[in-house]
Amino acid sequence: MHRFLATVLLALGVTFANTLARADTFTWPGGARAAVSLAYDDALDSQLDNAIPALDRHGLRATFYLQLSNPPVGARMEGWRAAARRGHELGNHSLFHQCSGAGADRAWVAPHRNLDTTSAAQMRDQVVLANTMLMAIDGQRERTYTAPCGDVLAGGTDYIPLLHGEFVAIKAGHGRPPVPASMAALDPFMVGSAGPVGASGKELIELVKQAGARGTMVAFTFHGIGGDHLSVSSEAHEELLRFLAEHRKEYWTDTFLNVMRHVRQQQAPRPAAPAGWTLAWSDEFDGAALDTGKWVAETGGHGWGNQELQYYTGRPENVRVGGGMLTIEARKERYEGSEYTSARLKTAGLKETQYGRYEARIKIPKGQGIWPAFWMLGANIKQAGWPKSGEIDIMEIIGKEPGNAYGTLHGPGYSGEHAFSKAIALDGAEYGDDFHVFAVEWEPGEIRWYRDGIHFHTARPDLVKGEWVFDHPFFVLLNLAVGGLWPGYPDAGTEFPRRMLVDYVRVYRKQAAAQ
């Protein structure tokens, strides 16, 4: 019996080049040699009792593929919810774990859960419903799916194509057509479905080292840990986690969701600098932690001049980097006298520039009382005070106006509710539905606002009703506020947590200035 079973990995929307792992343009976060995905199938008690405590002890994140009908889901709901709060992914493993009943080794498949007698449409419906149930547990809309038993033929029809658009990535295997050569480069391993009882920590670590030698990834799928079925011993599991923790700079370990987000980002073509501009600095958020050489997390809960409700922290619950994204998360929780927490980042003292193009790709959260922003403040604010220091709001969106993005200028004589502002709307859509690129181009005597390349607002000294205070260095800010005088406050329909996702921040300067 083979102890380790290589599987097919299908990531919807991602095309894996044959040279993915060795391509000059492809890198793992932090320069890691390989990526490691730790996944645990079926929602088992031993995962809550043994796997999650061990992962948390070593500071590692993993994916738990929940079979929603399995008793430990309902009986231990708070345990799964707590795991999600600590950064683990709750993946979709369907409602009923339907597998093919064909074959002598499938006598355990109940007739009413036989994939062979289930239609592809029925399978799709239960997988999509499982997503809704998982969102009720963890509040997340993006996740990955792994097909039970690796089987994908429902009533003889491949149901995986029906799930296109529902997941960031899908793991599937048996019953699919031959693997295209273009997908073979990742060559992940699946540990568990071949019954790896007795697998040693040394054997598991060897698979990680093999992935490192190839510069690719290894995707482990465990079941029981120190108990339950298809079990790996707690000792072997602990040995693997200890190795990964001690070599975290060499092997990037994260949820399958974050690994696949990173692969997508790496393979997406990066646009050249806009005509006439050259890159001054950027943060692509490719690492596993916030770059403290670029960002400072401000803290406090004093209302921030707008009667906001949140307490800003630097905790990973509120601000973190993973899977090629910066996540700023607003949570409803009591903290330091406040009812909500969130995060506010700034480049003050680290990256302060005068003039340029400032651009970010952002997916904003929805909800009444939610106030995401990408903006800039004059670096002299401590000396000059606000608004004499100047403020450039590149993007502000308030929950009660989900289809409007505001570009705004604040200065002496035109600040607060009298600011120089204009909104750009999405035709019949809301900004929280997808990512959008927000930018300003700031030159002497003129500032221009853009959304997805569309120029919608311009400021010049002759247009503002006061002193022009935009000829000195500014720093960049990203934050997610809760409540305030302008957006209003959360109501019964505002769900938490709310997350602002930032794909990148890029700052350009005029090419002539770089020469």
Foldseek 3Di string as FASTA:
>chain_A
DDQWAFFFWWFFPFFFALCQLPDPLHAAALRALEAEAEEAEAQDPQCLVFVLVLCVVLVFEHEYAYQQQDVNCVVVLVSVQVNVLSAHHHAHAFNHLAEACDDPVNPVHDPVRHQLAADLVRRLVRRLVSLVVVCVRHVDQEHEYEYRLLDQQRVHRRNVVVCRPRYRTYTHGPPDPDDDSRRCNQRAIEGQSVLNEPDALVNVVVSVVVRSVSSHYYYYYHYHECDDGSYDDSNSSSSNSVVCSVPVSHYPYHYPRLQSLLSSVSPPDDDDDPPQWDFPDKDQLSHFFDDPLFKDKDFAAPCVVFNFQETADPDVSAWTGTSRKIKGKKFQPADPNGRIYTIKMKRQPRDWDAFFKKKWKKQFWAAQQKKWWKWKFQSCCVPPNPPQRKIWTQWIDARVCQFWTKTWIGHVPQDDPNTDMDIDGDVVDGSNPGIKMWMWGDDVQKIWTDINRRTDDMDGCVPDDDDDNRGHIMMIMTIMTGAGDPRHHGDPPGDDTTMMIISMITTIHGPVVVD
